[in-house]
Amino acid sequence: MVETLIAAFQSAWNRSFDYTGRSNRGDYWWFALANVIISVVLLLLSNLADFFGWLYSIYTVAVIVPSLPLAIRRLRDAGKHWAWIFITLIPLIGALWLIYLLVQPSVG
């Protein structure tokens, strides 16, 4: 399980600028779990030293780089057009709808 988590995290960072192809549900959600774990750890450590607060801020911005192409590949794998990513611009409902699209099974 830990190996899968690490492999998905590395794969997402290795394909940071790859908007082609597909990513299955496992790839996406394992990466999401790794992000939550890292963010929580950095946030908890930020109470100990300001350095970790800065590190948390930098990580939060940097993680956008692999997250966007991964979400687009995941949408493509679910049979949706990449432009569905913009549904998040609709407050609350948009984010929930995107989550719904991301949990859909793979097509084809």
PDB file of N, CA and C in Angstrom:
ATOM      1  N   MET A   1       0.819  -1.188   0.000  1.00  0.00           N
ATOM      2  CA  MET A   1       0.000   0.000   0.000  1.00  0.00           C
ATOM      3  C   MET A   1       0.872   1.264   0.000  1.00  0.00           C
ATOM      4  N   VAL A   2       1.886   1.290   0.838  1.00  0.00           N
ATOM      5  CA  VAL A   2       2.783   2.443   0.883  1.00  0.00           C
ATOM      6  C   VAL A   2       3.532   2.573  -0.442  1.00  0.00           C
ATOM      7  N   GLU A   3       3.898   1.435  -1.015  1.00  0.00           N
ATOM      8  CA  GLU A   3       4.604   1.463  -2.305  1.00  0.00           C
ATOM      9  C   GLU A   3       3.716   2.071  -3.384  1.00  0.00           C
ATOM     10  N   THR A   4       2.430   1.730  -3.364  1.00  0.00           N
ATOM     11  CA  THR A   4       1.488   2.271  -4.331  1.00  0.00           C
ATOM     12  C   THR A   4       1.349   3.778  -4.160  1.00  0.00           C
ATOM     13  N   LEU A   5       1.282   4.213  -2.917  1.00  0.00           N
ATOM     14  CA  LEU A   5       1.178   5.639  -2.606  1.00  0.00           C
ATOM     15  C   LEU A   5       2.393   6.398  -3.141  1.00  0.00           C
ATOM     16  N   ILE A   6       3.572   5.872  -2.861  1.00  0.00           N
ATOM     17  CA  ILE A   6       4.809   6.525  -3.303  1.00  0.00           C
ATOM     18  C   ILE A   6       4.919   6.496  -4.822  1.00  0.00           C
ATOM     19  N   ALA A   7       4.561   5.364  -5.442  1.00  0.00           N
ATOM     20  CA  ALA A   7       4.640   5.247  -6.903  1.00  0.00           C
ATOM     21  C   ALA A   7       3.700   6.234  -7.586  1.00  0.00           C
ATOM     22  N   ALA A   8       2.489   6.387  -7.072  1.00  0.00           N
ATOM     23  CA  ALA A   8       1.533   7.331  -7.654  1.00  0.00           C
ATOM     24  C   ALA A   8       2.022   8.769  -7.490  1.00  0.00           C
ATOM     25  N   PHE A   9       2.606   9.070  -6.339  1.00  0.00           N
ATOM     26  CA  PHE A   9       3.123  10.414  -6.081  1.00  0.00           C
ATOM     27  C   PHE A   9       4.280  10.729  -7.039  1.00  0.00           C
ATOM     28  N   GLN A  10       5.199   9.794  -7.186  1.00  0.00           N
ATOM     29  CA  GLN A  10       6.332   9.992  -8.099  1.00  0.00           C
ATOM     30  C   GLN A  10       5.872  10.092  -9.542  1.00  0.00           C
ATOM     31  N   SER A  11       4.928   9.256  -9.923  1.00  0.00           N
ATOM     32  CA  SER A  11       4.427   9.270 -11.294  1.00  0.00           C
ATOM     33  C   SER A  11       3.784  10.616 -11.639  1.00  0.00           C
ATOM     34  N   ALA A  12       3.008  11.155 -10.711  1.00  0.00           N
ATOM     35  CA  ALA A  12       2.369  12.445 -10.968  1.00  0.00           C
ATOM     36  C   ALA A  12       3.410  13.549 -11.150  1.00  0.00           C
ATOM     37  N   TRP A  13       4.450  13.544 -10.320  1.00  0.00           N
ATOM     38  CA  TRP A  13       5.493  14.561 -10.457  1.00  0.00           C
ATOM     39  C   TRP A  13       6.314  14.343 -11.725  1.00  0.00           C
ATOM     40  N   ASN A  14       6.553  13.083 -12.102  1.00  0.00           N
ATOM     41  CA  ASN A  14       7.306  12.803 -13.330  1.00  0.00           C
ATOM     42  C   ASN A  14       6.535  13.224 -14.575  1.00  0.00           C
ATOM     43  N   ARG A  15       5.214  13.182 -14.507  1.00  0.00           N
ATOM     44  CA  ARG A  15       4.376  13.549 -15.655  1.00  0.00           C
ATOM     45  C   ARG A  15       3.761  14.939 -15.462  1.00  0.00           C
ATOM     46  N   SER A  16       4.464  15.820 -14.775  1.00  0.00           N
ATOM     47  CA  SER A  16       3.940  17.141 -14.428  1.00  0.00           C
ATOM     48  C   SER A  16       3.512  17.987 -15.622  1.00  0.00           C
ATOM     49  N   PHE A  17       4.125  17.790 -16.759  1.00  0.00           N
ATOM     50  CA  PHE A  17       3.802  18.603 -17.924  1.00  0.00           C
ATOM     51  C   PHE A  17       3.206  17.769 -19.051  1.00  0.00           C
ATOM     52  N   ASP A  18       2.714  16.587 -18.712  1.00  0.00           N
ATOM     53  CA  ASP A  18       2.122  15.671 -19.685  1.00  0.00           C
ATOM     54  C   ASP A  18       0.601  15.777 -19.614  1.00  0.00           C
ATOM     55  N   TYR A  19       0.036  16.469 -20.577  1.00  0.00           N
ATOM     56  CA  TYR A  19      -1.415  16.630 -20.627  1.00  0.00           C
ATOM     57  C   TYR A  19      -2.059  15.611 -21.553  1.00  0.00           C
ATOM     58  N   THR A  20      -1.279  14.688 -22.092  1.00  0.00           N
ATOM     59  CA  THR A  20      -1.802  13.663 -22.989  1.00  0.00           C
ATOM     60  C   THR A  20      -1.974  12.357 -22.228  1.00  0.00           C
ATOM     61  N   GLY A  21      -2.716  11.471 -22.815  1.00  0.00           N
ATOM     62  CA  GLY A  21      -2.898  10.164 -22.197  1.00  0.00           C
ATOM     63  C   GLY A  21      -3.963  10.175 -21.129  1.00  0.00           C
ATOM     64  N   ARG A  22      -3.884   9.156 -20.280  1.00  0.00           N
ATOM     65  CA  ARG A  22      -4.900   8.963 -19.251  1.00  0.00           C
ATOM     66  C   ARG A  22      -4.248   8.639 -17.919  1.00  0.00           C
ATOM     67  N   SER A  23      -5.003   8.863 -16.856  1.00  0.00           N
ATOM     68  CA  SER A  23      -4.604   8.437 -15.518  1.00  0.00           C
ATOM     69  C   SER A  23      -5.825   7.794 -14.869  1.00  0.00           C
ATOM     70  N   ASN A  24      -5.638   6.601 -14.333  1.00  0.00           N
ATOM     71  CA  ASN A  24      -6.779   5.897 -13.754  1.00  0.00           C
ATOM     72  C   ASN A  24      -7.139   6.450 -12.381  1.00  0.00           C
ATOM     73  N   ARG A  25      -8.227   5.936 -11.823  1.00  0.00           N
ATOM     74  CA  ARG A  25      -8.697   6.435 -10.522  1.00  0.00           C
ATOM     75  C   ARG A  25      -7.651   6.247  -9.438  1.00  0.00           C
ATOM     76  N   GLY A  26      -6.991   5.091  -9.461  1.00  0.00           N
ATOM     77  CA  GLY A  26      -5.979   4.821  -8.445  1.00  0.00           C
ATOM     78  C   GLY A  26      -4.855   5.837  -8.467  1.00  0.00           C
ATOM     79  N   ASP A  27      -4.352   6.132  -9.653  1.00  0.00           N
ATOM     80  CA  ASP A  27      -3.278   7.128  -9.781  1.00  0.00           C
ATOM     81  C   ASP A  27      -3.703   8.465  -9.179  1.00  0.00           C
ATOM     82  N   TYR A  28      -4.907   8.876  -9.513  1.00  0.00           N
ATOM     83  CA  TYR A  28      -5.377  10.180  -9.044  1.00  0.00           C
ATOM     84  C   TYR A  28      -5.578  10.204  -7.536  1.00  0.00           C
ATOM     85  N   TRP A  29      -6.288   9.238  -6.997  1.00  0.00           N
ATOM     86  CA  TRP A  29      -6.659   9.284  -5.587  1.00  0.00           C
ATOM     87  C   TRP A  29      -5.502   8.936  -4.659  1.00  0.00           C
ATOM     88  N   TRP A  30      -4.565   8.096  -5.107  1.00  0.00           N
ATOM     89  CA  TRP A  30      -3.370   7.854  -4.292  1.00  0.00           C
ATOM     90  C   TRP A  30      -2.541   9.136  -4.196  1.00  0.00           C
ATOM     91  N   PHE A  31      -2.435   9.861  -5.313  1.00  0.00           N
ATOM     92  CA  PHE A  31      -1.725  11.139  -5.303  1.00  0.00           C
ATOM     93  C   PHE A  31      -2.429  12.130  -4.376  1.00  0.00           C
ATOM     94  N   ALA A  32      -3.754  12.164  -4.433  1.00  0.00           N
ATOM     95  CA  ALA A  32      -4.512  13.059  -3.560  1.00  0.00           C
ATOM     96  C   ALA A  32      -4.277  12.720  -2.091  1.00  0.00           C
ATOM     97  N   LEU A  33      -4.240  11.432  -1.766  1.00  0.00           N
ATOM     98  CA  LEU A  33      -3.983  11.019  -0.386  1.00  0.00           C
ATOM     99  C   LEU A  33      -2.582  11.432   0.054  1.00  0.00           C
ATOM    100  N   ALA A  34      -1.593  11.239  -0.819  1.00  0.00           N
ATOM    101  CA  ALA A  34      -0.219  11.641  -0.494  1.00  0.00           C
ATOM    102  C   ALA A  34      -0.157  13.146  -0.239  1.00  0.00           C
ATOM    103  N   ASN A  35      -0.871  13.927  -1.040  1.00  0.00           N
ATOM    104  CA  ASN A  35      -0.896  15.378  -0.839  1.00  0.00           C
ATOM    105  C   ASN A  35      -1.506  15.748   0.502  1.00  0.00           C
ATOM    106  N   VAL A  36      -2.562  15.089   0.878  1.00  0.00           N
ATOM    107  CA  VAL A  36      -3.198  15.372   2.168  1.00  0.00           C
ATOM    108  C   VAL A  36      -2.238  15.047   3.304  1.00  0.00           C
ATOM    109  N   ILE A  37      -1.580  13.898   3.228  1.00  0.00           N
ATOM    110  CA  ILE A  37      -0.645  13.499   4.281  1.00  0.00           C
ATOM    111  C   ILE A  37       0.493  14.499   4.410  1.00  0.00           C
ATOM    112  N   ILE A  38       1.103  14.861   3.289  1.00  0.00           N
ATOM    113  CA  ILE A  38       2.221  15.806   3.307  1.00  0.00           C
ATOM    114  C   ILE A  38       1.766  17.174   3.821  1.00  0.00           C
ATOM    115  N   SER A  39       0.614  17.628   3.363  1.00  0.00           N
ATOM    116  CA  SER A  39       0.106  18.933   3.797  1.00  0.00           C
ATOM    117  C   SER A  39      -0.177  18.962   5.293  1.00  0.00           C
ATOM    118  N   VAL A  40      -0.794  17.907   5.813  1.00  0.00           N
ATOM    119  CA  VAL A  40      -1.102  17.862   7.244  1.00  0.00           C
ATOM    120  C   VAL A  40       0.178  17.830   8.067  1.00  0.00           C
ATOM    121  N   VAL A  41       1.148  17.025   7.639  1.00  0.00           N
ATOM    122  CA  VAL A  41       2.417  16.953   8.374  1.00  0.00           C
ATOM    123  C   VAL A  41       3.110  18.309   8.376  1.00  0.00           C
ATOM    124  N   LEU A  42       3.190  18.959   7.213  1.00  0.00           N
ATOM    125  CA  LEU A  42       3.832  20.277   7.148  1.00  0.00           C
ATOM    126  C   LEU A  42       3.070  21.316   7.957  1.00  0.00           C
ATOM    127  N   LEU A  43       1.757  21.236   7.932  1.00  0.00           N
ATOM    128  CA  LEU A  43       0.957  22.177   8.705  1.00  0.00           C
ATOM    129  C   LEU A  43       1.158  21.977  10.203  1.00  0.00           C
ATOM    130  N   LEU A  44       1.220  20.731  10.641  1.00  0.00           N
ATOM    131  CA  LEU A  44       1.469  20.469  12.060  1.00  0.00           C
ATOM    132  C   LEU A  44       2.874  20.904  12.469  1.00  0.00           C
ATOM    133  N   LEU A  45       3.842  20.679  11.594  1.00  0.00           N
ATOM    134  CA  LEU A  45       5.209  21.088  11.891  1.00  0.00           C
ATOM    135  C   LEU A  45       5.369  22.606  11.876  1.00  0.00           C
ATOM    136  N   SER A  46       4.481  23.288  11.153  1.00  0.00           N
ATOM    137  CA  SER A  46       4.581  24.753  11.094  1.00  0.00           C
ATOM    138  C   SER A  46       4.328  25.387  12.455  1.00  0.00           C
ATOM    139  N   ASN A  47       3.696  24.651  13.360  1.00  0.00           N
ATOM    140  CA  ASN A  47       3.516  25.155  14.727  1.00  0.00           C
ATOM    141  C   ASN A  47       4.823  25.156  15.504  1.00  0.00           C
ATOM    142  N   LEU A  48       5.778  24.343  15.050  1.00  0.00           N
ATOM    143  CA  LEU A  48       7.067  24.253  15.733  1.00  0.00           C
ATOM    144  C   LEU A  48       8.063  25.301  15.263  1.00  0.00           C
ATOM    145  N   ALA A  49       8.054  25.568  13.959  1.00  0.00           N
ATOM    146  CA  ALA A  49       9.036  26.516  13.410  1.00  0.00           C
ATOM    147  C   ALA A  49       8.449  27.198  12.176  1.00  0.00           C
ATOM    148  N   ASP A  50       8.813  28.449  11.992  1.00  0.00           N
ATOM    149  CA  ASP A  50       8.327  29.209  10.836  1.00  0.00           C
ATOM    150  C   ASP A  50       8.798  28.606   9.516  1.00  0.00           C
ATOM    151  N   PHE A  51       9.943  27.940   9.552  1.00  0.00           N
ATOM    152  CA  PHE A  51      10.472  27.312   8.341  1.00  0.00           C
ATOM    153  C   PHE A  51       9.447  26.377   7.717  1.00  0.00           C
ATOM    154  N   PHE A  52       8.775  25.577   8.537  1.00  0.00           N
ATOM    155  CA  PHE A  52       7.799  24.630   8.016  1.00  0.00           C
ATOM    156  C   PHE A  52       6.550  25.329   7.489  1.00  0.00           C
ATOM    157  N   GLY A  53       6.244  26.486   8.036  1.00  0.00           N
ATOM    158  CA  GLY A  53       5.150  27.290   7.508  1.00  0.00           C
ATOM    159  C   GLY A  53       5.448  27.756   6.092  1.00  0.00           C
ATOM    160  N   TRP A  54       6.683  28.216   5.901  1.00  0.00           N
ATOM    161  CA  TRP A  54       7.106  28.611   4.557  1.00  0.00           C
ATOM    162  C   TRP A  54       7.145  27.416   3.618  1.00  0.00           C
ATOM    163  N   LEU A  55       7.641  26.301   4.114  1.00  0.00           N
ATOM    164  CA  LEU A  55       7.702  25.084   3.307  1.00  0.00           C
ATOM    165  C   LEU A  55       6.304  24.627   2.910  1.00  0.00           C
ATOM    166  N   TYR A  56       5.370  24.716   3.842  1.00  0.00           N
ATOM    167  CA  TYR A  56       3.973  24.369   3.550  1.00  0.00           C
ATOM    168  C   TYR A  56       3.420  25.276   2.446  1.00  0.00           C
ATOM    169  N   SER A  57       3.691  26.566   2.538  1.00  0.00           N
ATOM    170  CA  SER A  57       3.205  27.514   1.528  1.00  0.00           C
ATOM    171  C   SER A  57       3.795  27.216   0.155  1.00  0.00           C
ATOM    172  N   ILE A  58       5.082  26.962   0.115  1.00  0.00           N
ATOM    173  CA  ILE A  58       5.750  26.646  -1.157  1.00  0.00           C
ATOM    174  C   ILE A  58       5.203  25.353  -1.739  1.00  0.00           C
ATOM    175  N   TYR A  59       5.034  24.335  -0.889  1.00  0.00           N
ATOM    176  CA  TYR A  59       4.504  23.049  -1.360  1.00  0.00           C
ATOM    177  C   TYR A  59       3.088  23.212  -1.908  1.00  0.00           C
ATOM    178  N   THR A  60       2.273  23.989  -1.228  1.00  0.00           N
ATOM    179  CA  THR A  60       0.883  24.185  -1.659  1.00  0.00           C
ATOM    180  C   THR A  60       0.817  24.796  -3.053  1.00  0.00           C
ATOM    181  N   VAL A  61       1.687  25.723  -3.338  1.00  0.00           N
ATOM    182  CA  VAL A  61       1.720  26.335  -4.672  1.00  0.00           C
ATOM    183  C   VAL A  61       2.347  25.381  -5.687  1.00  0.00           C
ATOM    184  N   ALA A  62       3.429  24.722  -5.302  1.00  0.00           N
ATOM    185  CA  ALA A  62       4.136  23.839  -6.227  1.00  0.00           C
ATOM    186  C   ALA A  62       3.306  22.632  -6.641  1.00  0.00           C
ATOM    187  N   VAL A  63       2.451  22.142  -5.773  1.00  0.00           N
ATOM    188  CA  VAL A  63       1.694  20.933  -6.074  1.00  0.00           C
ATOM    189  C   VAL A  63       0.646  21.163  -7.169  1.00  0.00           C
ATOM    190  N   ILE A  64       0.394  22.429  -7.511  1.00  0.00           N
ATOM    191  CA  ILE A  64      -0.509  22.733  -8.621  1.00  0.00           C
ATOM    192  C   ILE A  64       0.066  22.196  -9.928  1.00  0.00           C
ATOM    193  N   VAL A  65       1.391  22.217 -10.054  1.00  0.00           N
ATOM    194  CA  VAL A  65       2.053  21.803 -11.299  1.00  0.00           C
ATOM    195  C   VAL A  65       1.690  20.365 -11.685  1.00  0.00           C
ATOM    196  N   PRO A  66       1.798  19.363 -10.813  1.00  0.00           N
ATOM    197  CA  PRO A  66       1.392  18.022 -11.225  1.00  0.00           C
ATOM    198  C   PRO A  66      -0.109  17.767 -11.091  1.00  0.00           C
ATOM    199  N   SER A  67      -0.798  18.523 -10.237  1.00  0.00           N
ATOM    200  CA  SER A  67      -2.218  18.265  -9.986  1.00  0.00           C
ATOM    201  C   SER A  67      -3.097  18.585 -11.188  1.00  0.00           C
ATOM    202  N   LEU A  68      -2.816  19.673 -11.865  1.00  0.00           N
ATOM    203  CA  LEU A  68      -3.637  20.073 -13.004  1.00  0.00           C
ATOM    204  C   LEU A  68      -3.577  19.066 -14.147  1.00  0.00           C
ATOM    205  N   PRO A  69      -2.382  18.675 -14.633  1.00  0.00           N
ATOM    206  CA  PRO A  69      -2.366  17.679 -15.707  1.00  0.00           C
ATOM    207  C   PRO A  69      -2.933  16.326 -15.263  1.00  0.00           C
ATOM    208  N   LEU A  70      -2.716  15.970 -13.998  1.00  0.00           N
ATOM    209  CA  LEU A  70      -3.256  14.708 -13.495  1.00  0.00           C
ATOM    210  C   LEU A  70      -4.783  14.730 -13.524  1.00  0.00           C
ATOM    211  N   ALA A  71      -5.385  15.823 -13.110  1.00  0.00           N
ATOM    212  CA  ALA A  71      -6.849  15.940 -13.139  1.00  0.00           C
ATOM    213  C   ALA A  71      -7.370  15.910 -14.573  1.00  0.00           C
ATOM    214  N   ILE A  72      -6.672  16.560 -15.475  1.00  0.00           N
ATOM    215  CA  ILE A  72      -7.085  16.556 -16.883  1.00  0.00           C
ATOM    216  C   ILE A  72      -6.979  15.160 -17.471  1.00  0.00           C
ATOM    217  N   ARG A  73      -5.887  14.441 -17.166  1.00  0.00           N
ATOM    218  CA  ARG A  73      -5.759  13.056 -17.640  1.00  0.00           C
ATOM    219  C   ARG A  73      -6.835  12.165 -17.030  1.00  0.00           C
ATOM    220  N   ARG A  74      -7.168  12.416 -15.765  1.00  0.00           N
ATOM    221  CA  ARG A  74      -8.205  11.627 -15.094  1.00  0.00           C
ATOM    222  C   ARG A  74      -9.572  11.887 -15.725  1.00  0.00           C
ATOM    223  N   LEU A  75      -9.873  13.138 -16.044  1.00  0.00           N
ATOM    224  CA  LEU A  75     -11.133  13.453 -16.724  1.00  0.00           C
ATOM    225  C   LEU A  75     -11.198  12.746 -18.076  1.00  0.00           C
ATOM    226  N   ARG A  76     -10.101  12.759 -18.799  1.00  0.00           N
ATOM    227  CA  ARG A  76     -10.052  12.095 -20.097  1.00  0.00           C
ATOM    228  C   ARG A  76     -10.287  10.590 -19.940  1.00  0.00           C
ATOM    229  N   ASP A  77      -9.718  10.003 -18.885  1.00  0.00           N
ATOM    230  CA  ASP A  77      -9.891   8.575 -18.631  1.00  0.00           C
ATOM    231  C   ASP A  77     -11.344   8.247 -18.286  1.00  0.00           C
ATOM    232  N   ALA A  78     -12.045   9.195 -17.680  1.00  0.00           N
ATOM    233  CA  ALA A  78     -13.458   9.001 -17.329  1.00  0.00           C
ATOM    234  C   ALA A  78     -14.382   9.320 -18.506  1.00  0.00           C
ATOM    235  N   GLY A  79     -13.804   9.688 -19.652  1.00  0.00           N
ATOM    236  CA  GLY A  79     -14.593   9.949 -20.848  1.00  0.00           C
ATOM    237  C   GLY A  79     -15.121  11.368 -20.945  1.00  0.00           C
ATOM    238  N   LYS A  80     -14.553  12.274 -20.178  1.00  0.00           N
ATOM    239  CA  LYS A  80     -14.995  13.667 -20.198  1.00  0.00           C
ATOM    240  C   LYS A  80     -13.957  14.549 -20.893  1.00  0.00           C
ATOM    241  N   HIS A  81     -14.397  15.686 -21.374  1.00  0.00           N
ATOM    242  CA  HIS A  81     -13.502  16.648 -22.019  1.00  0.00           C
ATOM    243  C   HIS A  81     -12.695  17.375 -20.944  1.00  0.00           C
ATOM    244  N   TRP A  82     -11.474  17.757 -21.276  1.00  0.00           N
ATOM    245  CA  TRP A  82     -10.590  18.413 -20.312  1.00  0.00           C
ATOM    246  C   TRP A  82     -11.179  19.716 -19.776  1.00  0.00           C
ATOM    247  N   ALA A  83     -12.022  20.370 -20.557  1.00  0.00           N
ATOM    248  CA  ALA A  83     -12.560  21.664 -20.151  1.00  0.00           C
ATOM    249  C   ALA A  83     -13.478  21.569 -18.931  1.00  0.00           C
ATOM    250  N   TRP A  84     -13.870  20.373 -18.540  1.00  0.00           N
ATOM    251  CA  TRP A  84     -14.680  20.211 -17.333  1.00  0.00           C
ATOM    252  C   TRP A  84     -13.930  20.679 -16.089  1.00  0.00           C
ATOM    253  N   ILE A  85     -12.633  20.861 -16.194  1.00  0.00           N
ATOM    254  CA  ILE A  85     -11.838  21.336 -15.061  1.00  0.00           C
ATOM    255  C   ILE A  85     -12.320  22.724 -14.613  1.00  0.00           C
ATOM    256  N   PHE A  86     -12.883  23.493 -15.536  1.00  0.00           N
ATOM    257  CA  PHE A  86     -13.344  24.844 -15.224  1.00  0.00           C
ATOM    258  C   PHE A  86     -14.649  24.866 -14.433  1.00  0.00           C
ATOM    259  N   ILE A  87     -15.269  23.710 -14.230  1.00  0.00           N
ATOM    260  CA  ILE A  87     -16.493  23.650 -13.437  1.00  0.00           C
ATOM    261  C   ILE A  87     -16.228  24.129 -12.009  1.00  0.00           C
ATOM    262  N   THR A  88     -14.976  24.059 -11.590  1.00  0.00           N
ATOM    263  CA  THR A  88     -14.634  24.496 -10.230  1.00  0.00           C
ATOM    264  C   THR A  88     -14.785  26.001 -10.043  1.00  0.00           C
ATOM    265  N   LEU A  89     -14.948  26.737 -11.114  1.00  0.00           N
ATOM    266  CA  LEU A  89     -15.157  28.185 -11.000  1.00  0.00           C
ATOM    267  C   LEU A  89     -16.539  28.514 -10.438  1.00  0.00           C
ATOM    268  N   ILE A  90     -17.446  27.542 -10.458  1.00  0.00           N
ATOM    269  CA  ILE A  90     -18.752  27.735  -9.841  1.00  0.00           C
ATOM    270  C   ILE A  90     -18.605  27.415  -8.355  1.00  0.00           C
ATOM    271  N   PRO A  91     -18.865  28.356  -7.489  1.00  0.00           N
ATOM    272  CA  PRO A  91     -18.642  28.127  -6.055  1.00  0.00           C
ATOM    273  C   PRO A  91     -19.407  26.910  -5.520  1.00  0.00           C
ATOM    274  N   LEU A  92     -18.746  26.139  -4.692  1.00  0.00           N
ATOM    275  CA  LEU A  92     -19.234  24.954  -3.997  1.00  0.00           C
ATOM    276  C   LEU A  92     -19.730  23.842  -4.911  1.00  0.00           C
ATOM    277  N   ILE A  93     -20.752  24.115  -5.694  1.00  0.00           N
ATOM    278  CA  ILE A  93     -21.318  23.086  -6.562  1.00  0.00           C
ATOM    279  C   ILE A  93     -20.294  22.622  -7.594  1.00  0.00           C
ATOM    280  N   GLY A  94     -19.494  23.536  -8.094  1.00  0.00           N
ATOM    281  CA  GLY A  94     -18.490  23.187  -9.093  1.00  0.00           C
ATOM    282  C   GLY A  94     -17.463  22.213  -8.556  1.00  0.00           C
ATOM    283  N   ALA A  95     -16.976  22.454  -7.354  1.00  0.00           N
ATOM    284  CA  ALA A  95     -15.989  21.541  -6.749  1.00  0.00           C
ATOM    285  C   ALA A  95     -16.600  20.163  -6.506  1.00  0.00           C
ATOM    286  N   LEU A  96     -17.835  20.143  -6.025  1.00  0.00           N
ATOM    287  CA  LEU A  96     -18.505  18.858  -5.796  1.00  0.00           C
ATOM    288  C   LEU A  96     -18.732  18.101  -7.103  1.00  0.00           C
ATOM    289  N   TRP A  97     -19.097  18.832  -8.149  1.00  0.00           N
ATOM    290  CA  TRP A  97     -19.320  18.192  -9.447  1.00  0.00           C
ATOM    291  C   TRP A  97     -18.006  17.640 -10.007  1.00  0.00           C
ATOM    292  N   LEU A  98     -16.925  18.369  -9.832  1.00  0.00           N
ATOM    293  CA  LEU A  98     -15.635  17.870 -10.306  1.00  0.00           C
ATOM    294  C   LEU A  98     -15.247  16.598  -9.558  1.00  0.00           C
ATOM    295  N   ILE A  99     -15.460  16.557  -8.261  1.00  0.00           N
ATOM    296  CA  ILE A  99     -15.185  15.334  -7.508  1.00  0.00           C
ATOM    297  C   ILE A  99     -16.015  14.186  -8.045  1.00  0.00           C
ATOM    298  N   TYR A 100     -17.282  14.449  -8.337  1.00  0.00           N
ATOM    299  CA  TYR A 100     -18.146  13.431  -8.929  1.00  0.00           C
ATOM    300  C   TYR A 100     -17.565  12.912 -10.244  1.00  0.00           C
ATOM    301  N   LEU A 101     -17.080  13.814 -11.084  1.00  0.00           N
ATOM    302  CA  LEU A 101     -16.483  13.398 -12.368  1.00  0.00           C
ATOM    303  C   LEU A 101     -15.199  12.595 -12.152  1.00  0.00           C
ATOM    304  N   LEU A 102     -14.417  12.973 -11.160  1.00  0.00           N
ATOM    305  CA  LEU A 102     -13.126  12.302 -10.916  1.00  0.00           C
ATOM    306  C   LEU A 102     -13.285  10.903 -10.345  1.00  0.00           C
ATOM    307  N   VAL A 103     -14.413  10.602  -9.723  1.00  0.00           N
ATOM    308  CA  VAL A 103     -14.619   9.264  -9.167  1.00  0.00           C
ATOM    309  C   VAL A 103     -15.277   8.317 -10.159  1.00  0.00           C
ATOM    310  N   GLN A 104     -15.619   8.798 -11.323  1.00  0.00           N
ATOM    311  CA  GLN A 104     -16.246   7.946 -12.333  1.00  0.00           C
ATOM    312  C   GLN A 104     -15.286   6.863 -12.807  1.00  0.00           C
ATOM    313  N   PRO A 105     -15.810   5.693 -13.171  1.00  0.00           N
ATOM    314  CA  PRO A 105     -14.934   4.629 -13.673  1.00  0.00           C
ATOM    315  C   PRO A 105     -14.329   4.980 -15.023  1.00  0.00           C
ATOM    316  N   SER A 106     -13.255   4.288 -15.338  1.00  0.00           N
ATOM    317  CA  SER A 106     -12.584   4.506 -16.621  1.00  0.00           C
ATOM    318  C   SER A 106     -13.479   4.058 -17.770  1.00  0.00           C
ATOM    319  N   VAL A 107     -13.345   4.754 -18.888  1.00  0.00           N
ATOM    320  CA  VAL A 107     -14.102   4.425 -20.094  1.00  0.00           C
ATOM    321  C   VAL A 107     -13.143   3.822 -21.100  1.00  0.00           C
ATOM    322  N   GLY A 108     -13.571   2.774 -21.721  1.00  0.00           N
ATOM    323  CA  GLY A 108     -12.777   2.177 -22.795  1.00  0.00           C
ATOM    324  C   GLY A 108     -11.666   1.410 -22.281  1.00  0.00           C
TER     325      GLY A 108
END
